[in-house]
Amino acid sequence: MFRRREPVPFAFIAEAERYRSNITPPRPERPSNGQIFGRTLVGLTVVAGLAGSLLFGLPALSPGQAPLHTQQSEASDNR
């Protein structure tokens, strides 16, 4: 990186930190009704996906429950 050879006075740095401009930035545009509806729909979709994955995932993670249907092959029955 390029380094400055001359030292920068501390007063200059301190003054730069508290510099305030007299120009006000433009106000941000308000979102339209369609944008608000779209953001709400996306948020609800994400929440519904998380709730659904929790709903379907918890039975698979719960220990100690016997499976409802066990498969047995015919080879194990012919001993």
PDB file of N, CA and C in Angstrom:
ATOM      1  N   MET A   1       0.832  -1.186   0.000  1.00  0.00           N
ATOM      2  CA  MET A   1       0.000   0.000   0.000  1.00  0.00           C
ATOM      3  C   MET A   1       0.872   1.242   0.000  1.00  0.00           C
ATOM      4  N   PHE A   2       0.328   2.316  -0.472  1.00  0.00           N
ATOM      5  CA  PHE A   2       1.023   3.594  -0.513  1.00  0.00           C
ATOM      6  C   PHE A   2       0.994   4.231   0.870  1.00  0.00           C
ATOM      7  N   ARG A   3       2.149   4.617   1.373  1.00  0.00           N
ATOM      8  CA  ARG A   3       2.217   5.257   2.683  1.00  0.00           C
ATOM      9  C   ARG A   3       2.614   6.705   2.509  1.00  0.00           C
ATOM     10  N   ARG A   4       2.044   7.545   3.341  1.00  0.00           N
ATOM     11  CA  ARG A   4       2.375   8.972   3.301  1.00  0.00           C
ATOM     12  C   ARG A   4       3.721   9.182   3.967  1.00  0.00           C
ATOM     13  N   ARG A   5       4.518  10.035   3.393  1.00  0.00           N
ATOM     14  CA  ARG A   5       5.843  10.294   3.958  1.00  0.00           C
ATOM     15  C   ARG A   5       5.790  11.396   5.005  1.00  0.00           C
ATOM     16  N   GLU A   6       4.931  12.382   4.814  1.00  0.00           N
ATOM     17  CA  GLU A   6       4.863  13.469   5.787  1.00  0.00           C
ATOM     18  C   GLU A   6       3.863  13.121   6.878  1.00  0.00           C
ATOM     19  N   PRO A   7       4.136  13.490   8.102  1.00  0.00           N
ATOM     20  CA  PRO A   7       3.212  13.172   9.192  1.00  0.00           C
ATOM     21  C   PRO A   7       1.943  14.013   9.093  1.00  0.00           C
ATOM     22  N   VAL A   8       0.859  13.430   9.519  1.00  0.00           N
ATOM     23  CA  VAL A   8      -0.416  14.128   9.527  1.00  0.00           C
ATOM     24  C   VAL A   8      -0.633  14.648  10.938  1.00  0.00           C
ATOM     25  N   PRO A   9      -0.876  15.923  11.098  1.00  0.00           N
ATOM     26  CA  PRO A   9      -1.071  16.457  12.452  1.00  0.00           C
ATOM     27  C   PRO A   9      -2.339  15.884  13.095  1.00  0.00           C
ATOM     28  N   PHE A  10      -2.259  15.664  14.396  1.00  0.00           N
ATOM     29  CA  PHE A  10      -3.368  15.074  15.130  1.00  0.00           C
ATOM     30  C   PHE A  10      -4.604  15.966  15.082  1.00  0.00           C
ATOM     31  N   ALA A  11      -4.432  17.253  15.101  1.00  0.00           N
ATOM     32  CA  ALA A  11      -5.566  18.171  15.083  1.00  0.00           C
ATOM     33  C   ALA A  11      -6.383  18.003  13.807  1.00  0.00           C
ATOM     34  N   PHE A  12      -5.724  17.721  12.706  1.00  0.00           N
ATOM     35  CA  PHE A  12      -6.421  17.528  11.445  1.00  0.00           C
ATOM     36  C   PHE A  12      -7.316  16.277  11.514  1.00  0.00           C
ATOM     37  N   ILE A  13      -6.795  15.202  12.122  1.00  0.00           N
ATOM     38  CA  ILE A  13      -7.565  13.965  12.230  1.00  0.00           C
ATOM     39  C   ILE A  13      -8.751  14.176  13.162  1.00  0.00           C
ATOM     40  N   ALA A  14      -8.531  14.838  14.290  1.00  0.00           N
ATOM     41  CA  ALA A  14      -9.617  15.075  15.239  1.00  0.00           C
ATOM     42  C   ALA A  14     -10.686  15.967  14.622  1.00  0.00           C
ATOM     43  N   GLU A  15     -10.266  16.931  13.835  1.00  0.00           N
ATOM     44  CA  GLU A  15     -11.231  17.821  13.189  1.00  0.00           C
ATOM     45  C   GLU A  15     -12.035  17.076  12.134  1.00  0.00           C
ATOM     46  N   ALA A  16     -11.411  16.137  11.453  1.00  0.00           N
ATOM     47  CA  ALA A  16     -12.103  15.377  10.414  1.00  0.00           C
ATOM     48  C   ALA A  16     -13.169  14.472  11.017  1.00  0.00           C
ATOM     49  N   GLU A  17     -12.984  14.001  12.248  1.00  0.00           N
ATOM     50  CA  GLU A  17     -13.960  13.117  12.864  1.00  0.00           C
ATOM     51  C   GLU A  17     -15.245  13.845  13.235  1.00  0.00           C
ATOM     52  N   ARG A  18     -15.167  15.119  13.527  1.00  0.00           N
ATOM     53  CA  ARG A  18     -16.371  15.822  13.948  1.00  0.00           C
ATOM     54  C   ARG A  18     -16.893  16.779  12.878  1.00  0.00           C
ATOM     55  N   TYR A  19     -16.445  16.632  11.652  1.00  0.00           N
ATOM     56  CA  TYR A  19     -16.891  17.502  10.566  1.00  0.00           C
ATOM     57  C   TYR A  19     -18.352  17.219  10.269  1.00  0.00           C
ATOM     58  N   ARG A  20     -19.127  18.263  10.168  1.00  0.00           N
ATOM     59  CA  ARG A  20     -20.539  18.129   9.820  1.00  0.00           C
ATOM     60  C   ARG A  20     -20.816  18.961   8.582  1.00  0.00           C
ATOM     61  N   SER A  21     -21.509  18.355   7.673  1.00  0.00           N
ATOM     62  CA  SER A  21     -21.821  19.030   6.433  1.00  0.00           C
ATOM     63  C   SER A  21     -23.082  19.869   6.602  1.00  0.00           C
ATOM     64  N   ASN A  22     -23.175  20.930   5.816  1.00  0.00           N
ATOM     65  CA  ASN A  22     -24.381  21.747   5.845  1.00  0.00           C
ATOM     66  C   ASN A  22     -25.373  21.319   4.761  1.00  0.00           C
ATOM     67  N   ILE A  23     -25.098  20.229   4.093  1.00  0.00           N
ATOM     68  CA  ILE A  23     -25.976  19.716   3.044  1.00  0.00           C
ATOM     69  C   ILE A  23     -26.748  18.540   3.617  1.00  0.00           C
ATOM     70  N   THR A  24     -28.050  18.624   3.573  1.00  0.00           N
ATOM     71  CA  THR A  24     -28.855  17.513   4.079  1.00  0.00           C
ATOM     72  C   THR A  24     -29.068  16.490   2.974  1.00  0.00           C
ATOM     73  N   PRO A  25     -28.916  15.219   3.282  1.00  0.00           N
ATOM     74  CA  PRO A  25     -29.132  14.185   2.267  1.00  0.00           C
ATOM     75  C   PRO A  25     -30.618  14.093   1.920  1.00  0.00           C
ATOM     76  N   PRO A  26     -30.923  13.634   0.730  1.00  0.00           N
ATOM     77  CA  PRO A  26     -32.344  13.505   0.351  1.00  0.00           C
ATOM     78  C   PRO A  26     -33.031  12.435   1.191  1.00  0.00           C
ATOM     79  N   ARG A  27     -34.324  12.618   1.405  1.00  0.00           N
ATOM     80  CA  ARG A  27     -35.087  11.642   2.167  1.00  0.00           C
ATOM     81  C   ARG A  27     -35.222  10.356   1.368  1.00  0.00           C
ATOM     82  N   PRO A  28     -35.169   9.227   2.050  1.00  0.00           N
ATOM     83  CA  PRO A  28     -35.362   7.964   1.323  1.00  0.00           C
ATOM     84  C   PRO A  28     -36.804   7.837   0.848  1.00  0.00           C
ATOM     85  N   GLU A  29     -36.958   7.187  -0.298  1.00  0.00           N
ATOM     86  CA  GLU A  29     -38.293   7.012  -0.858  1.00  0.00           C
ATOM     87  C   GLU A  29     -39.085   6.035  -0.009  1.00  0.00           C
ATOM     88  N   ARG A  30     -40.367   6.298   0.147  1.00  0.00           N
ATOM     89  CA  ARG A  30     -41.238   5.378   0.875  1.00  0.00           C
ATOM     90  C   ARG A  30     -41.559   4.193  -0.028  1.00  0.00           C
ATOM     91  N   PRO A  31     -41.565   2.990   0.537  1.00  0.00           N
ATOM     92  CA  PRO A  31     -41.913   1.830  -0.296  1.00  0.00           C
ATOM     93  C   PRO A  31     -43.371   1.880  -0.713  1.00  0.00           C
ATOM     94  N   SER A  32     -43.634   1.396  -1.902  1.00  0.00           N
ATOM     95  CA  SER A  32     -45.001   1.377  -2.408  1.00  0.00           C
ATOM     96  C   SER A  32     -45.790   0.258  -1.726  1.00  0.00           C
ATOM     97  N   ASN A  33     -47.088   0.259  -1.944  1.00  0.00           N
ATOM     98  CA  ASN A  33     -47.938  -0.779  -1.356  1.00  0.00           C
ATOM     99  C   ASN A  33     -47.554  -2.166  -1.855  1.00  0.00           C
ATOM    100  N   GLY A  34     -47.170  -2.255  -3.118  1.00  0.00           N
ATOM    101  CA  GLY A  34     -46.749  -3.541  -3.674  1.00  0.00           C
ATOM    102  C   GLY A  34     -45.472  -4.048  -3.031  1.00  0.00           C
ATOM    103  N   GLN A  35     -44.541  -3.136  -2.767  1.00  0.00           N
ATOM    104  CA  GLN A  35     -43.296  -3.539  -2.115  1.00  0.00           C
ATOM    105  C   GLN A  35     -43.556  -4.004  -0.682  1.00  0.00           C
ATOM    106  N   ILE A  36     -44.416  -3.308   0.025  1.00  0.00           N
ATOM    107  CA  ILE A  36     -44.749  -3.704   1.397  1.00  0.00           C
ATOM    108  C   ILE A  36     -45.425  -5.073   1.394  1.00  0.00           C
ATOM    109  N   PHE A  37     -46.362  -5.277   0.468  1.00  0.00           N
ATOM    110  CA  PHE A  37     -47.050  -6.560   0.363  1.00  0.00           C
ATOM    111  C   PHE A  37     -46.066  -7.675   0.017  1.00  0.00           C
ATOM    112  N   GLY A  38     -45.152  -7.406  -0.902  1.00  0.00           N
ATOM    113  CA  GLY A  38     -44.162  -8.415  -1.293  1.00  0.00           C
ATOM    114  C   GLY A  38     -43.241  -8.782  -0.149  1.00  0.00           C
ATOM    115  N   ARG A  39     -42.776  -7.779   0.605  1.00  0.00           N
ATOM    116  CA  ARG A  39     -41.897  -8.063   1.738  1.00  0.00           C
ATOM    117  C   ARG A  39     -42.632  -8.850   2.814  1.00  0.00           C
ATOM    118  N   THR A  40     -43.904  -8.515   3.038  1.00  0.00           N
ATOM    119  CA  THR A  40     -44.702  -9.237   4.021  1.00  0.00           C
ATOM    120  C   THR A  40     -44.896 -10.683   3.580  1.00  0.00           C
ATOM    121  N   LEU A  41     -45.173 -10.883   2.311  1.00  0.00           N
ATOM    122  CA  LEU A  41     -45.374 -12.231   1.783  1.00  0.00           C
ATOM    123  C   LEU A  41     -44.108 -13.069   1.894  1.00  0.00           C
ATOM    124  N   VAL A  42     -42.969 -12.473   1.594  1.00  0.00           N
ATOM    125  CA  VAL A  42     -41.698 -13.197   1.719  1.00  0.00           C
ATOM    126  C   VAL A  42     -41.436 -13.548   3.182  1.00  0.00           C
ATOM    127  N   GLY A  43     -41.688 -12.612   4.075  1.00  0.00           N
ATOM    128  CA  GLY A  43     -41.482 -12.880   5.495  1.00  0.00           C
ATOM    129  C   GLY A  43     -42.373 -13.996   6.007  1.00  0.00           C
ATOM    130  N   LEU A  44     -43.643 -13.971   5.612  1.00  0.00           N
ATOM    131  CA  LEU A  44     -44.563 -15.031   6.027  1.00  0.00           C
ATOM    132  C   LEU A  44     -44.174 -16.382   5.439  1.00  0.00           C
ATOM    133  N   THR A  45     -43.662 -16.381   4.222  1.00  0.00           N
ATOM    134  CA  THR A  45     -43.220 -17.625   3.603  1.00  0.00           C
ATOM    135  C   THR A  45     -42.031 -18.217   4.348  1.00  0.00           C
ATOM    136  N   VAL A  46     -41.102 -17.373   4.750  1.00  0.00           N
ATOM    137  CA  VAL A  46     -39.938 -17.849   5.509  1.00  0.00           C
ATOM    138  C   VAL A  46     -40.372 -18.401   6.862  1.00  0.00           C
ATOM    139  N   VAL A  47     -41.248 -17.687   7.549  1.00  0.00           N
ATOM    140  CA  VAL A  47     -41.731 -18.152   8.857  1.00  0.00           C
ATOM    141  C   VAL A  47     -42.502 -19.455   8.715  1.00  0.00           C
ATOM    142  N   ALA A  48     -43.334 -19.575   7.691  1.00  0.00           N
ATOM    143  CA  ALA A  48     -44.097 -20.806   7.472  1.00  0.00           C
ATOM    144  C   ALA A  48     -43.159 -21.967   7.139  1.00  0.00           C
ATOM    145  N   GLY A  49     -42.105 -21.708   6.385  1.00  0.00           N
ATOM    146  CA  GLY A  49     -41.138 -22.762   6.074  1.00  0.00           C
ATOM    147  C   GLY A  49     -40.404 -23.244   7.309  1.00  0.00           C
ATOM    148  N   LEU A  50     -40.013 -22.321   8.171  1.00  0.00           N
ATOM    149  CA  LEU A  50     -39.347 -22.718   9.413  1.00  0.00           C
ATOM    150  C   LEU A  50     -40.291 -23.495  10.324  1.00  0.00           C
ATOM    151  N   ALA A  51     -41.531 -23.043  10.432  1.00  0.00           N
ATOM    152  CA  ALA A  51     -42.505 -23.743  11.268  1.00  0.00           C
ATOM    153  C   ALA A  51     -42.798 -25.126  10.697  1.00  0.00           C
ATOM    154  N   GLY A  52     -42.910 -25.241   9.396  1.00  0.00           N
ATOM    155  CA  GLY A  52     -43.168 -26.536   8.774  1.00  0.00           C
ATOM    156  C   GLY A  52     -42.010 -27.498   8.946  1.00  0.00           C
ATOM    157  N   SER A  53     -40.790 -27.007   8.809  1.00  0.00           N
ATOM    158  CA  SER A  53     -39.645 -27.893   9.004  1.00  0.00           C
ATOM    159  C   SER A  53     -39.547 -28.347  10.455  1.00  0.00           C
ATOM    160  N   LEU A  54     -39.917 -27.478  11.379  1.00  0.00           N
ATOM    161  CA  LEU A  54     -39.939 -27.865  12.789  1.00  0.00           C
ATOM    162  C   LEU A  54     -41.042 -28.895  13.042  1.00  0.00           C
ATOM    163  N   LEU A  55     -42.184 -28.682  12.436  1.00  0.00           N
ATOM    164  CA  LEU A  55     -43.313 -29.588  12.617  1.00  0.00           C
ATOM    165  C   LEU A  55     -43.002 -30.985  12.077  1.00  0.00           C
ATOM    166  N   PHE A  56     -42.389 -31.069  10.918  1.00  0.00           N
ATOM    167  CA  PHE A  56     -42.074 -32.368  10.322  1.00  0.00           C
ATOM    168  C   PHE A  56     -40.778 -32.960  10.861  1.00  0.00           C
ATOM    169  N   GLY A  57     -39.892 -32.123  11.389  1.00  0.00           N
ATOM    170  CA  GLY A  57     -38.602 -32.621  11.858  1.00  0.00           C
ATOM    171  C   GLY A  57     -38.605 -33.132  13.277  1.00  0.00           C
ATOM    172  N   LEU A  58     -39.467 -32.607  14.135  1.00  0.00           N
ATOM    173  CA  LEU A  58     -39.462 -33.031  15.534  1.00  0.00           C
ATOM    174  C   LEU A  58     -39.813 -34.502  15.733  1.00  0.00           C
ATOM    175  N   PRO A  59     -40.785 -35.068  15.044  1.00  0.00           N
ATOM    176  CA  PRO A  59     -41.040 -36.508  15.236  1.00  0.00           C
ATOM    177  C   PRO A  59     -39.843 -37.379  14.853  1.00  0.00           C
ATOM    178  N   ALA A  60     -39.091 -36.984  13.872  1.00  0.00           N
ATOM    179  CA  ALA A  60     -37.931 -37.772  13.461  1.00  0.00           C
ATOM    180  C   ALA A  60     -36.794 -37.653  14.459  1.00  0.00           C
ATOM    181  N   LEU A  61     -36.739 -36.573  15.216  1.00  0.00           N
ATOM    182  CA  LEU A  61     -35.661 -36.361  16.170  1.00  0.00           C
ATOM    183  C   LEU A  61     -35.979 -36.891  17.558  1.00  0.00           C
ATOM    184  N   SER A  62     -37.230 -37.208  17.828  1.00  0.00           N
ATOM    185  CA  SER A  62     -37.593 -37.645  19.174  1.00  0.00           C
ATOM    186  C   SER A  62     -37.117 -39.081  19.404  1.00  0.00           C
ATOM    187  N   PRO A  63     -36.358 -39.317  20.483  1.00  0.00           N
ATOM    188  CA  PRO A  63     -35.829 -40.663  20.748  1.00  0.00           C
ATOM    189  C   PRO A  63     -36.843 -41.518  21.498  1.00  0.00           C
ATOM    190  N   GLY A  64     -36.660 -42.829  21.427  1.00  0.00           N
ATOM    191  CA  GLY A  64     -37.424 -43.744  22.249  1.00  0.00           C
ATOM    192  C   GLY A  64     -38.734 -44.217  21.673  1.00  0.00           C
ATOM    193  N   GLN A  65     -39.135 -43.759  20.564  1.00  0.00           N
ATOM    194  CA  GLN A  65     -40.392 -44.231  20.003  1.00  0.00           C
ATOM    195  C   GLN A  65     -40.114 -45.370  19.036  1.00  0.00           C
ATOM    196  N   ALA A  66     -40.894 -46.419  19.180  1.00  0.00           N
ATOM    197  CA  ALA A  66     -40.743 -47.551  18.275  1.00  0.00           C
ATOM    198  C   ALA A  66     -41.387 -47.201  16.940  1.00  0.00           C
ATOM    199  N   PRO A  67     -40.815 -47.674  15.864  1.00  0.00           N
ATOM    200  CA  PRO A  67     -41.436 -47.409  14.567  1.00  0.00           C
ATOM    201  C   PRO A  67     -42.790 -48.113  14.470  1.00  0.00           C
ATOM    202  N   LEU A  68     -43.694 -47.528  13.755  1.00  0.00           N
ATOM    203  CA  LEU A  68     -45.043 -48.077  13.634  1.00  0.00           C
ATOM    204  C   LEU A  68     -45.074 -49.356  12.807  1.00  0.00           C
ATOM    205  N   HIS A  69     -44.212 -49.467  11.818  1.00  0.00           N
ATOM    206  CA  HIS A  69     -44.223 -50.615  10.930  1.00  0.00           C
ATOM    207  C   HIS A  69     -42.783 -51.062  10.726  1.00  0.00           C
ATOM    208  N   THR A  70     -42.503 -52.294  11.052  1.00  0.00           N
ATOM    209  CA  THR A  70     -41.150 -52.813  10.845  1.00  0.00           C
ATOM    210  C   THR A  70     -41.166 -53.761   9.660  1.00  0.00           C
ATOM    211  N   GLN A  71     -40.153 -53.676   8.855  1.00  0.00           N
ATOM    212  CA  GLN A  71     -40.051 -54.550   7.692  1.00  0.00           C
ATOM    213  C   GLN A  71     -39.218 -55.765   8.067  1.00  0.00           C
ATOM    214  N   GLN A  72     -39.659 -56.904   7.646  1.00  0.00           N
ATOM    215  CA  GLN A  72     -38.885 -58.115   7.837  1.00  0.00           C
ATOM    216  C   GLN A  72     -38.758 -58.792   6.476  1.00  0.00           C
ATOM    217  N   SER A  73     -37.577 -59.242   6.201  1.00  0.00           N
ATOM    218  CA  SER A  73     -37.382 -59.918   4.928  1.00  0.00           C
ATOM    219  C   SER A  73     -37.764 -61.390   5.076  1.00  0.00           C
ATOM    220  N   GLU A  74     -38.050 -62.038   3.976  1.00  0.00           N
ATOM    221  CA  GLU A  74     -38.431 -63.450   4.004  1.00  0.00           C
ATOM    222  C   GLU A  74     -37.233 -64.330   4.334  1.00  0.00           C
ATOM    223  N   ALA A  75     -36.037 -63.864   4.068  1.00  0.00           N
ATOM    224  CA  ALA A  75     -34.852 -64.660   4.337  1.00  0.00           C
ATOM    225  C   ALA A  75     -34.666 -64.867   5.820  1.00  0.00           C
ATOM    226  N   SER A  76     -35.023 -63.909   6.648  1.00  0.00           N
ATOM    227  CA  SER A  76     -34.878 -64.072   8.089  1.00  0.00           C
ATOM    228  C   SER A  76     -35.948 -64.997   8.665  1.00  0.00           C
ATOM    229  N   ASP A  77     -37.060 -65.173   7.979  1.00  0.00           N
ATOM    230  CA  ASP A  77     -38.111 -66.051   8.457  1.00  0.00           C
ATOM    231  C   ASP A  77     -37.826 -67.534   8.139  1.00  0.00           C
ATOM    232  N   ASN A  78     -36.970 -67.815   7.189  1.00  0.00           N
ATOM    233  CA  ASN A  78     -36.728 -69.180   6.722  1.00  0.00           C
ATOM    234  C   ASN A  78     -35.521 -69.815   7.403  1.00  0.00           C
ATOM    235  N   ARG A  79     -35.246 -69.555   8.615  1.00  0.00           N
ATOM    236  CA  ARG A  79     -34.076 -70.150   9.287  1.00  0.00           C
ATOM    237  C   ARG A  79     -34.341 -71.527   9.745  1.00  0.00           C
TER     238      ARG A  79
END
